PDB file of N, CA and C in Angstrom:
ATOM      1  N   UNK A   1      74.414 151.553 233.116  1.00  0.00           N
ATOM      2  CA  UNK A   1      75.534 150.677 232.815  1.00  0.00           C
ATOM      3  C   UNK A   1      76.174 151.023 231.469  1.00  0.00           C
ATOM      4  N   UNK A   2      75.334 151.084 230.426  1.00  0.00           N
ATOM      5  CA  UNK A   2      75.900 151.364 229.098  1.00  0.00           C
ATOM      6  C   UNK A   2      76.437 152.796 229.034  1.00  0.00           C
ATOM      7  N   UNK A   3      75.840 153.698 229.843  1.00  0.00           N
ATOM      8  CA  UNK A   3      76.346 155.071 229.869  1.00  0.00           C
ATOM      9  C   UNK A   3      77.794 155.095 230.348  1.00  0.00           C
ATOM     10  N   UNK A   4      78.083 154.310 231.381  1.00  0.00           N
ATOM     11  CA  UNK A   4      79.460 154.223 231.884  1.00  0.00           C
ATOM     12  C   UNK A   4      80.405 153.660 230.831  1.00  0.00           C
ATOM     13  N   UNK A   5      79.930 152.672 230.066  1.00  0.00           N
ATOM     14  CA  UNK A   5      80.753 152.080 229.010  1.00  0.00           C
ATOM     15  C   UNK A   5      81.078 153.125 227.940  1.00  0.00           C
ATOM     16  N   UNK A   6      80.097 153.943 227.597  1.00  0.00           N
ATOM     17  CA  UNK A   6      80.311 154.989 226.584  1.00  0.00           C
ATOM     18  C   UNK A   6      81.342 155.993 227.095  1.00  0.00           C
ATOM     19  N   UNK A   7      81.192 156.416 228.341  1.00  0.00           N
ATOM     20  CA  UNK A   7      82.124 157.385 228.909  1.00  0.00           C
ATOM     21  C   UNK A   7      83.536 156.798 229.018  1.00  0.00           C
ATOM     22  N   UNK A   8      83.629 155.524 229.379  1.00  0.00           N
ATOM     23  CA  UNK A   8      84.936 154.869 229.435  1.00  0.00           C
ATOM     24  C   UNK A   8      85.566 154.783 228.050  1.00  0.00           C
ATOM     25  N   UNK A   9      84.743 154.488 227.044  1.00  0.00           N
ATOM     26  CA  UNK A   9      85.252 154.393 225.673  1.00  0.00           C
ATOM     27  C   UNK A   9      85.720 155.764 225.171  1.00  0.00           C
ATOM     28  N   UNK A  10      85.002 156.814 225.573  1.00  0.00           N
ATOM     29  CA  UNK A  10      85.432 158.180 225.244  1.00  0.00           C
ATOM     30  C   UNK A  10      86.798 158.465 225.863  1.00  0.00           C
ATOM     31  N   UNK A  11      86.987 158.026 227.101  1.00  0.00           N
ATOM     32  CA  UNK A  11      88.279 158.198 227.770  1.00  0.00           C
ATOM     33  C   UNK A  11      89.386 157.464 227.040  1.00  0.00           C
ATOM     34  N   UNK A  12      89.084 156.274 226.550  1.00  0.00           N
ATOM     35  CA  UNK A  12      90.057 155.497 225.777  1.00  0.00           C
ATOM     36  C   UNK A  12      90.428 156.233 224.496  1.00  0.00           C
ATOM     37  N   UNK A  13      89.419 156.780 223.810  1.00  0.00           N
ATOM     38  CA  UNK A  13      89.671 157.549 222.584  1.00  0.00           C
ATOM     39  C   UNK A  13      90.533 158.773 222.887  1.00  0.00           C
ATOM     40  N   UNK A  14      90.299 159.410 224.045  1.00  0.00           N
ATOM     41  CA  UNK A  14      91.082 160.575 224.442  1.00  0.00           C
ATOM     42  C   UNK A  14      92.544 160.188 224.666  1.00  0.00           C
ATOM     43  N   UNK A  15      92.752 159.084 225.363  1.00  0.00           N
ATOM     44  CA  UNK A  15      94.123 158.635 225.623  1.00  0.00           C
ATOM     45  C   UNK A  15      94.835 158.237 224.335  1.00  0.00           C
ATOM     46  N   UNK A  16      94.061 157.812 223.331  1.00  0.00           N
ATOM     47  CA  UNK A  16      94.636 157.454 222.031  1.00  0.00           C
ATOM     48  C   UNK A  16      94.906 158.693 221.173  1.00  0.00           C
ATOM     49  N   UNK A  17      94.484 159.866 221.678  1.00  0.00           N
ATOM     50  CA  UNK A  17      94.715 161.115 220.941  1.00  0.00           C
ATOM     51  C   UNK A  17      93.749 161.336 219.796  1.00  0.00           C
ATOM     52  N   UNK A  18      92.552 160.741 219.885  1.00  0.00           N
ATOM     53  CA  UNK A  18      91.570 160.826 218.805  1.00  0.00           C
ATOM     54  C   UNK A  18      90.374 161.698 219.150  1.00  0.00           C
ATOM     55  N   UNK A  19      90.521 162.550 220.162  1.00  0.00           N
ATOM     56  CA  UNK A  19      89.417 163.406 220.601  1.00  0.00           C
ATOM     57  C   UNK A  19      89.865 164.860 220.646  1.00  0.00           C
ATOM     58  N   UNK A  20      88.992 165.743 220.145  1.00  0.00           N
ATOM     59  CA  UNK A  20      89.231 167.184 220.250  1.00  0.00           C
ATOM     60  C   UNK A  20      88.065 167.785 221.027  1.00  0.00           C
ATOM     61  N   UNK A  21      88.345 168.879 221.724  1.00  0.00           N
ATOM     62  CA  UNK A  21      87.256 169.568 222.417  1.00  0.00           C
ATOM     63  C   UNK A  21      87.431 171.065 222.242  1.00  0.00           C
ATOM     64  N   UNK A  22      86.348 171.783 222.419  1.00  0.00           N
ATOM     65  CA  UNK A  22      86.358 173.227 222.217  1.00  0.00           C
ATOM     66  C   UNK A  22      85.653 173.575 220.918  1.00  0.00           C
ATOM     67  N   UNK A  23      84.712 174.486 221.019  1.00  0.00           N
ATOM     68  CA  UNK A  23      83.860 174.797 219.870  1.00  0.00           C
ATOM     69  C   UNK A  23      84.639 175.274 218.649  1.00  0.00           C
ATOM     70  N   UNK A  24      85.568 176.212 218.824  1.00  0.00           N
ATOM     71  CA  UNK A  24      86.289 176.761 217.671  1.00  0.00           C
ATOM     72  C   UNK A  24      87.172 175.706 217.009  1.00  0.00           C
ATOM     73  N   UNK A  25      87.819 174.869 217.814  1.00  0.00           N
ATOM     74  CA  UNK A  25      88.663 173.800 217.269  1.00  0.00           C
ATOM     75  C   UNK A  25      87.821 172.820 216.456  1.00  0.00           C
ATOM     76  N   UNK A  26      86.702 172.423 217.011  1.00  0.00           N
ATOM     77  CA  UNK A  26      85.832 171.458 216.333  1.00  0.00           C
ATOM     78  C   UNK A  26      85.260 172.052 215.047  1.00  0.00           C
ATOM     79  N   UNK A  27      84.817 173.307 215.091  1.00  0.00           N
ATOM     80  CA  UNK A  27      84.264 173.930 213.884  1.00  0.00           C
ATOM     81  C   UNK A  27      85.302 173.996 212.772  1.00  0.00           C
ATOM     82  N   UNK A  28      86.556 174.339 213.106  1.00  0.00           N
ATOM     83  CA  UNK A  28      87.623 174.370 212.104  1.00  0.00           C
ATOM     84  C   UNK A  28      87.897 172.984 211.538  1.00  0.00           C
ATOM     85  N   UNK A  29      87.919 171.976 212.414  1.00  0.00           N
ATOM     86  CA  UNK A  29      88.202 170.617 211.959  1.00  0.00           C
ATOM     87  C   UNK A  29      87.034 170.014 211.174  1.00  0.00           C
ATOM     88  N   UNK A  30      85.818 170.471 211.426  1.00  0.00           N
ATOM     89  CA  UNK A  30      84.678 170.021 210.621  1.00  0.00           C
ATOM     90  C   UNK A  30      84.858 170.494 209.185  1.00  0.00           C
ATOM     91  N   UNK A  31      85.286 171.750 209.025  1.00  0.00           N
ATOM     92  CA  UNK A  31      85.487 172.300 207.680  1.00  0.00           C
ATOM     93  C   UNK A  31      86.523 171.511 206.894  1.00  0.00           C
ATOM     94  N   UNK A  32      87.568 171.030 207.579  1.00  0.00           N
ATOM     95  CA  UNK A  32      88.635 170.295 206.896  1.00  0.00           C
ATOM     96  C   UNK A  32      88.387 168.786 206.916  1.00  0.00           C
ATOM     97  N   UNK A  33      87.188 168.379 207.357  1.00  0.00           N
ATOM     98  CA  UNK A  33      86.767 166.970 207.357  1.00  0.00           C
ATOM     99  C   UNK A  33      87.624 166.073 208.257  1.00  0.00           C
ATOM    100  N   UNK A  34      88.221 166.644 209.297  1.00  0.00           N
ATOM    101  CA  UNK A  34      89.024 165.839 210.223  1.00  0.00           C
ATOM    102  C   UNK A  34      88.157 165.169 211.280  1.00  0.00           C
ATOM    103  N   UNK A  35      87.000 165.746 211.560  1.00  0.00           N
ATOM    104  CA  UNK A  35      86.098 165.219 212.586  1.00  0.00           C
ATOM    105  C   UNK A  35      85.162 164.189 211.951  1.00  0.00           C
ATOM    106  N   UNK A  36      85.009 163.050 212.637  1.00  0.00           N
ATOM    107  CA  UNK A  36      84.143 161.972 212.139  1.00  0.00           C
ATOM    108  C   UNK A  36      82.840 161.862 212.925  1.00  0.00           C
ATOM    109  N   UNK A  37      82.812 162.445 214.122  1.00  0.00           N
ATOM    110  CA  UNK A  37      81.621 162.419 214.972  1.00  0.00           C
ATOM    111  C   UNK A  37      81.701 163.579 215.953  1.00  0.00           C
ATOM    112  N   UNK A  38      80.575 164.260 216.155  1.00  0.00           N
ATOM    113  CA  UNK A  38      80.497 165.332 217.148  1.00  0.00           C
ATOM    114  C   UNK A  38      79.521 164.901 218.233  1.00  0.00           C
ATOM    115  N   UNK A  39      79.938 165.054 219.479  1.00  0.00           N
ATOM    116  CA  UNK A  39      79.068 164.778 220.621  1.00  0.00           C
ATOM    117  C   UNK A  39      78.878 166.086 221.379  1.00  0.00           C
ATOM    118  N   UNK A  40      77.616 166.453 221.603  1.00  0.00           N
ATOM    119  CA  UNK A  40      77.277 167.687 222.307  1.00  0.00           C
ATOM    120  C   UNK A  40      76.589 167.303 223.613  1.00  0.00           C
ATOM    121  N   UNK A  41      76.947 167.968 224.689  1.00  0.00           N
ATOM    122  CA  UNK A  41      76.332 167.705 225.999  1.00  0.00           C
ATOM    123  C   UNK A  41      74.841 168.011 225.952  1.00  0.00           C
ATOM    124  N   UNK A  42      74.064 167.229 226.690  1.00  0.00           N
ATOM    125  CA  UNK A  42      72.617 167.433 226.715  1.00  0.00           C
ATOM    126  C   UNK A  42      72.236 168.753 227.369  1.00  0.00           C
ATOM    127  N   UNK A  43      73.129 169.297 228.213  1.00  0.00           N
ATOM    128  CA  UNK A  43      72.822 170.568 228.863  1.00  0.00           C
ATOM    129  C   UNK A  43      73.476 171.762 228.154  1.00  0.00           C
ATOM    130  N   UNK A  44      73.861 171.572 226.893  1.00  0.00           N
ATOM    131  CA  UNK A  44      74.400 172.684 226.099  1.00  0.00           C
ATOM    132  C   UNK A  44      73.261 173.627 225.728  1.00  0.00           C
ATOM    133  N   UNK A  45      73.594 174.872 225.433  1.00  0.00           N
ATOM    134  CA  UNK A  45      72.552 175.820 225.042  1.00  0.00           C
ATOM    135  C   UNK A  45      71.980 175.431 223.687  1.00  0.00           C
ATOM    136  N   UNK A  46      70.743 175.851 223.417  1.00  0.00           N
ATOM    137  CA  UNK A  46      70.103 175.555 222.132  1.00  0.00           C
ATOM    138  C   UNK A  46      70.909 176.135 220.981  1.00  0.00           C
ATOM    139  N   UNK A  47      71.463 177.330 221.177  1.00  0.00           N
ATOM    140  CA  UNK A  47      72.249 177.969 220.127  1.00  0.00           C
ATOM    141  C   UNK A  47      73.508 177.173 219.801  1.00  0.00           C
ATOM    142  N   UNK A  48      74.201 176.710 220.829  1.00  0.00           N
ATOM    143  CA  UNK A  48      75.406 175.900 220.620  1.00  0.00           C
ATOM    144  C   UNK A  48      75.070 174.641 219.832  1.00  0.00           C
ATOM    145  N   UNK A  49      73.994 173.971 220.236  1.00  0.00           N
ATOM    146  CA  UNK A  49      73.608 172.746 219.533  1.00  0.00           C
ATOM    147  C   UNK A  49      73.232 173.037 218.088  1.00  0.00           C
ATOM    148  N   UNK A  50      72.502 174.143 217.869  1.00  0.00           N
ATOM    149  CA  UNK A  50      72.083 174.496 216.506  1.00  0.00           C
ATOM    150  C   UNK A  50      73.288 174.779 215.608  1.00  0.00           C
ATOM    151  N   UNK A  51      74.263 175.529 216.120  1.00  0.00           N
ATOM    152  CA  UNK A  51      75.469 175.840 215.333  1.00  0.00           C
ATOM    153  C   UNK A  51      76.179 174.546 214.940  1.00  0.00           C
ATOM    154  N   UNK A  52      76.375 173.658 215.907  1.00  0.00           N
ATOM    155  CA  UNK A  52      77.053 172.384 215.637  1.00  0.00           C
ATOM    156  C   UNK A  52      76.240 171.527 214.668  1.00  0.00           C
ATOM    157  N   UNK A  53      74.934 171.473 214.904  1.00  0.00           N
ATOM    158  CA  UNK A  53      74.078 170.645 214.053  1.00  0.00           C
ATOM    159  C   UNK A  53      74.116 171.117 212.607  1.00  0.00           C
ATOM    160  N   UNK A  54      74.043 172.430 212.407  1.00  0.00           N
ATOM    161  CA  UNK A  54      74.067 172.988 211.046  1.00  0.00           C
ATOM    162  C   UNK A  54      75.396 172.702 210.352  1.00  0.00           C
ATOM    163  N   UNK A  55      76.508 172.903 211.063  1.00  0.00           N
ATOM    164  CA  UNK A  55      77.838 172.635 210.474  1.00  0.00           C
ATOM    165  C   UNK A  55      77.976 171.153 210.118  1.00  0.00           C
ATOM    166  N   UNK A  56      77.531 170.291 211.031  1.00  0.00           N
ATOM    167  CA  UNK A  56      77.635 168.853 210.786  1.00  0.00           C
ATOM    168  C   UNK A  56      76.766 168.426 209.612  1.00  0.00           C
ATOM    169  N   UNK A  57      75.559 168.985 209.549  1.00  0.00           N
ATOM    170  CA  UNK A  57      74.650 168.634 208.451  1.00  0.00           C
ATOM    171  C   UNK A  57      75.251 169.046 207.107  1.00  0.00           C
ATOM    172  N   UNK A  58      75.802 170.254 207.037  1.00  0.00           N
ATOM    173  CA  UNK A  58      76.386 170.742 205.786  1.00  0.00           C
ATOM    174  C   UNK A  58      77.592 169.921 205.351  1.00  0.00           C
ATOM    175  N   UNK A  59      78.315 169.340 206.316  1.00  0.00           N
ATOM    176  CA  UNK A  59      79.525 168.575 206.003  1.00  0.00           C
ATOM    177  C   UNK A  59      79.331 167.062 206.126  1.00  0.00           C
ATOM    178  N   UNK A  60      78.073 166.632 206.308  1.00  0.00           N
ATOM    179  CA  UNK A  60      77.725 165.206 206.378  1.00  0.00           C
ATOM    180  C   UNK A  60      78.492 164.470 207.473  1.00  0.00           C
ATOM    181  N   UNK A  61      78.489 165.067 208.665  1.00  0.00           N
ATOM    182  CA  UNK A  61      79.147 164.472 209.825  1.00  0.00           C
ATOM    183  C   UNK A  61      78.068 164.165 210.867  1.00  0.00           C
ATOM    184  N   UNK A  62      78.057 162.943 211.411  1.00  0.00           N
ATOM    185  CA  UNK A  62      77.039 162.615 212.417  1.00  0.00           C
ATOM    186  C   UNK A  62      77.241 163.407 213.706  1.00  0.00           C
ATOM    187  N   UNK A  63      76.121 163.724 214.355  1.00  0.00           N
ATOM    188  CA  UNK A  63      76.161 164.455 215.628  1.00  0.00           C
ATOM    189  C   UNK A  63      75.189 163.779 216.584  1.00  0.00           C
ATOM    190  N   UNK A  64      75.590 163.703 217.841  1.00  0.00           N
ATOM    191  CA  UNK A  64      74.734 163.107 218.867  1.00  0.00           C
ATOM    192  C   UNK A  64      74.781 163.965 220.125  1.00  0.00           C
ATOM    193  N   UNK A  65      73.651 163.972 220.847  1.00  0.00           N
ATOM    194  CA  UNK A  65      73.583 164.580 222.175  1.00  0.00           C
ATOM    195  C   UNK A  65      73.770 163.455 223.181  1.00  0.00           C
ATOM    196  N   UNK A  66      74.700 163.637 224.097  1.00  0.00           N
ATOM    197  CA  UNK A  66      74.926 162.586 225.091  1.00  0.00           C
ATOM    198  C   UNK A  66      75.607 163.175 226.320  1.00  0.00           C
ATOM    199  N   UNK A  67      75.149 162.766 227.486  1.00  0.00           N
ATOM    200  CA  UNK A  67      75.795 163.135 228.742  1.00  0.00           C
ATOM    201  C   UNK A  67      75.739 164.621 229.051  1.00  0.00           C
ATOM    202  N   UNK A  68      76.073 164.941 230.263  1.00  0.00           N
ATOM    203  CA  UNK A  68      76.128 166.339 230.679  1.00  0.00           C
ATOM    204  C   UNK A  68      77.542 166.865 230.454  1.00  0.00           C
ATOM    205  N   UNK A  69      77.711 168.160 230.649  1.00  0.00           N
ATOM    206  CA  UNK A  69      79.049 168.769 230.542  1.00  0.00           C
ATOM    207  C   UNK A  69      80.036 168.073 231.472  1.00  0.00           C
ATOM    208  N   UNK A  70      79.568 167.824 232.685  1.00  0.00           N
ATOM    209  CA  UNK A  70      80.430 167.195 233.690  1.00  0.00           C
ATOM    210  C   UNK A  70      80.780 165.765 233.286  1.00  0.00           C
ATOM    211  N   UNK A  71      79.800 165.018 232.730  1.00  0.00           N
ATOM    212  CA  UNK A  71      80.050 163.646 232.274  1.00  0.00           C
ATOM    213  C   UNK A  71      81.144 163.632 231.205  1.00  0.00           C
ATOM    214  N   UNK A  72      80.992 164.497 230.212  1.00  0.00           N
ATOM    215  CA  UNK A  72      81.932 164.518 229.092  1.00  0.00           C
ATOM    216  C   UNK A  72      83.325 164.946 229.548  1.00  0.00           C
ATOM    217  N   UNK A  73      83.382 165.983 230.372  1.00  0.00           N
ATOM    218  CA  UNK A  73      84.670 166.439 230.890  1.00  0.00           C
ATOM    219  C   UNK A  73      85.347 165.381 231.742  1.00  0.00           C
ATOM    220  N   UNK A  74      84.569 164.720 232.587  1.00  0.00           N
ATOM    221  CA  UNK A  74      85.104 163.667 233.440  1.00  0.00           C
ATOM    222  C   UNK A  74      85.652 162.501 232.629  1.00  0.00           C
ATOM    223  N   UNK A  75      84.950 162.141 231.557  1.00  0.00           N
ATOM    224  CA  UNK A  75      85.394 161.035 230.703  1.00  0.00           C
ATOM    225  C   UNK A  75      86.742 161.354 230.053  1.00  0.00           C
ATOM    226  N   UNK A  76      86.969 162.634 229.760  1.00  0.00           N
ATOM    227  CA  UNK A  76      88.209 163.040 229.112  1.00  0.00           C
ATOM    228  C   UNK A  76      89.309 163.379 230.109  1.00  0.00           C
ATOM    229  N   UNK A  77      88.957 163.389 231.395  1.00  0.00           N
ATOM    230  CA  UNK A  77      89.944 163.733 232.417  1.00  0.00           C
ATOM    231  C   UNK A  77      90.220 165.222 232.441  1.00  0.00           C
ATOM    232  N   UNK A  78      89.241 166.013 232.067  1.00  0.00           N
ATOM    233  CA  UNK A  78      89.393 167.473 232.033  1.00  0.00           C
ATOM    234  C   UNK A  78      88.206 168.115 232.746  1.00  0.00           C
ATOM    235  N   UNK A  79      88.146 169.443 232.677  1.00  0.00           N
ATOM    236  CA  UNK A  79      87.001 170.152 233.234  1.00  0.00           C
ATOM    237  C   UNK A  79      85.782 169.926 232.349  1.00  0.00           C
ATOM    238  N   UNK A  80      84.701 170.613 232.651  1.00  0.00           N
ATOM    239  CA  UNK A  80      83.467 170.445 231.882  1.00  0.00           C
ATOM    240  C   UNK A  80      83.696 170.704 230.398  1.00  0.00           C
ATOM    241  N   UNK A  81      83.091 169.871 229.555  1.00  0.00           N
ATOM    242  CA  UNK A  81      83.184 170.009 228.102  1.00  0.00           C
ATOM    243  C   UNK A  81      81.789 169.967 227.508  1.00  0.00           C
ATOM    244  N   UNK A  82      81.483 170.911 226.618  1.00  0.00           N
ATOM    245  CA  UNK A  82      80.170 170.959 225.971  1.00  0.00           C
ATOM    246  C   UNK A  82      80.210 170.229 224.633  1.00  0.00           C
ATOM    247  N   UNK A  83      81.315 170.368 223.889  1.00  0.00           N
ATOM    248  CA  UNK A  83      81.451 169.751 222.571  1.00  0.00           C
ATOM    249  C   UNK A  83      82.667 168.840 222.542  1.00  0.00           C
ATOM    250  N   UNK A  84      82.501 167.695 221.908  1.00  0.00           N
ATOM    251  CA  UNK A  84      83.622 166.779 221.709  1.00  0.00           C
ATOM    252  C   UNK A  84      83.603 166.334 220.253  1.00  0.00           C
ATOM    253  N   UNK A  85      84.774 166.330 219.629  1.00  0.00           N
ATOM    254  CA  UNK A  85      84.898 165.839 218.264  1.00  0.00           C
ATOM    255  C   UNK A  85      85.801 164.613 218.245  1.00  0.00           C
ATOM    256  N   UNK A  86      85.346 163.549 217.596  1.00  0.00           N
ATOM    257  CA  UNK A  86      86.142 162.325 217.473  1.00  0.00           C
ATOM    258  C   UNK A  86      86.758 162.310 216.078  1.00  0.00           C
ATOM    259  N   UNK A  87      88.078 162.099 216.008  1.00  0.00           N
ATOM    260  CA  UNK A  87      88.786 162.222 214.733  1.00  0.00           C
ATOM    261  C   UNK A  87      89.106 160.882 214.077  1.00  0.00           C
ATOM    262  N   UNK A  88      88.746 159.785 214.710  1.00  0.00           N
ATOM    263  CA  UNK A  88      89.062 158.459 214.161  1.00  0.00           C
ATOM    264  C   UNK A  88      87.786 157.738 213.745  1.00  0.00           C
ATOM    265  N   UNK A  89      87.784 157.152 212.536  1.00  0.00           N
ATOM    266  CA  UNK A  89      86.598 156.452 212.030  1.00  0.00           C
ATOM    267  C   UNK A  89      86.167 155.302 212.924  1.00  0.00           C
ATOM    268  N   UNK A  90      87.110 154.499 213.389  1.00  0.00           N
ATOM    269  CA  UNK A  90      86.786 153.348 214.221  1.00  0.00           C
ATOM    270  C   UNK A  90      86.121 153.748 215.530  1.00  0.00           C
ATOM    271  N   UNK A  91      86.721 154.694 216.232  1.00  0.00           N
ATOM    272  CA  UNK A  91      86.130 155.180 217.486  1.00  0.00           C
ATOM    273  C   UNK A  91      84.760 155.819 217.215  1.00  0.00           C
ATOM    274  N   UNK A  92      84.649 156.580 216.126  1.00  0.00           N
ATOM    275  CA  UNK A  92      83.393 157.259 215.808  1.00  0.00           C
ATOM    276  C   UNK A  92      82.270 156.253 215.562  1.00  0.00           C
ATOM    277  N   UNK A  93      82.536 155.219 214.780  1.00  0.00           N
ATOM    278  CA  UNK A  93      81.501 154.216 214.481  1.00  0.00           C
ATOM    279  C   UNK A  93      81.055 153.493 215.746  1.00  0.00           C
ATOM    280  N   UNK A  94      82.019 153.127 216.579  1.00  0.00           N
ATOM    281  CA  UNK A  94      81.686 152.408 217.812  1.00  0.00           C
ATOM    282  C   UNK A  94      80.876 153.297 218.757  1.00  0.00           C
ATOM    283  N   UNK A  95      81.296 154.550 218.902  1.00  0.00           N
ATOM    284  CA  UNK A  95      80.555 155.481 219.764  1.00  0.00           C
ATOM    285  C   UNK A  95      79.151 155.727 219.231  1.00  0.00           C
ATOM    286  N   UNK A  96      79.006 155.876 217.913  1.00  0.00           N
ATOM    287  CA  UNK A  96      77.678 156.061 217.317  1.00  0.00           C
ATOM    288  C   UNK A  96      76.758 154.903 217.672  1.00  0.00           C
ATOM    289  N   UNK A  97      77.248 153.677 217.482  1.00  0.00           N
ATOM    290  CA  UNK A  97      76.400 152.514 217.773  1.00  0.00           C
ATOM    291  C   UNK A  97      76.080 152.424 219.265  1.00  0.00           C
ATOM    292  N   UNK A  98      77.061 152.735 220.125  1.00  0.00           N
ATOM    293  CA  UNK A  98      76.819 152.681 221.568  1.00  0.00           C
ATOM    294  C   UNK A  98      75.803 153.736 222.013  1.00  0.00           C
ATOM    295  N   UNK A  99      75.934 154.952 221.499  1.00  0.00           N
ATOM    296  CA  UNK A  99      75.017 156.031 221.876  1.00  0.00           C
ATOM    297  C   UNK A  99      73.615 155.742 221.353  1.00  0.00           C
ATOM    298  N   UNK A 100      73.509 155.238 220.123  1.00  0.00           N
ATOM    299  CA  UNK A 100      72.193 154.905 219.574  1.00  0.00           C
ATOM    300  C   UNK A 100      71.541 153.772 220.368  1.00  0.00           C
ATOM    301  N   UNK A 101      72.330 152.807 220.795  1.00  0.00           N
ATOM    302  CA  UNK A 101      71.819 151.704 221.620  1.00  0.00           C
ATOM    303  C   UNK A 101      71.349 152.249 222.968  1.00  0.00           C
ATOM    304  N   UNK A 102      72.115 153.167 223.546  1.00  0.00           N
ATOM    305  CA  UNK A 102      71.752 153.779 224.829  1.00  0.00           C
ATOM    306  C   UNK A 102      70.431 154.532 224.724  1.00  0.00           C
ATOM    307  N   UNK A 103      70.210 155.201 223.617  1.00  0.00           N
ATOM    308  CA  UNK A 103      68.980 155.976 223.429  1.00  0.00           C
ATOM    309  C   UNK A 103      67.751 155.089 223.327  1.00  0.00           C
ATOM    310  N   UNK A 104      67.914 153.858 222.860  1.00  0.00           N
ATOM    311  CA  UNK A 104      66.794 152.935 222.701  1.00  0.00           C
ATOM    312  C   UNK A 104      66.260 152.472 224.050  1.00  0.00           C
ATOM    313  N   UNK A 105      67.127 152.459 225.064  1.00  0.00           N
ATOM    314  CA  UNK A 105      66.731 151.959 226.391  1.00  0.00           C
ATOM    315  C   UNK A 105      65.672 152.819 227.036  1.00  0.00           C
TER     316      UNK A 105
END
């Protein structure tokens, strides 16, 4: 249930224009501090996750693993997505709390 709510909220953020996808785009925006939260698919490669995790750690940006590639892509109304960057503080905080709550279950 809460997983669907998270995916729906991601879709809302996408429609609001507050979501970026694609590894190179996200890495560039992390450097310029435009990204407030990074979400990586649970089925991403270990190397992809490590690269994102290291960049986020160096720039003090939260990162979470959530959903599959298909889940993330479907939430955004696009094809499969491995990385998603949220550019708005409000959406990022809400998604962080929702994902952390989901992990507790």
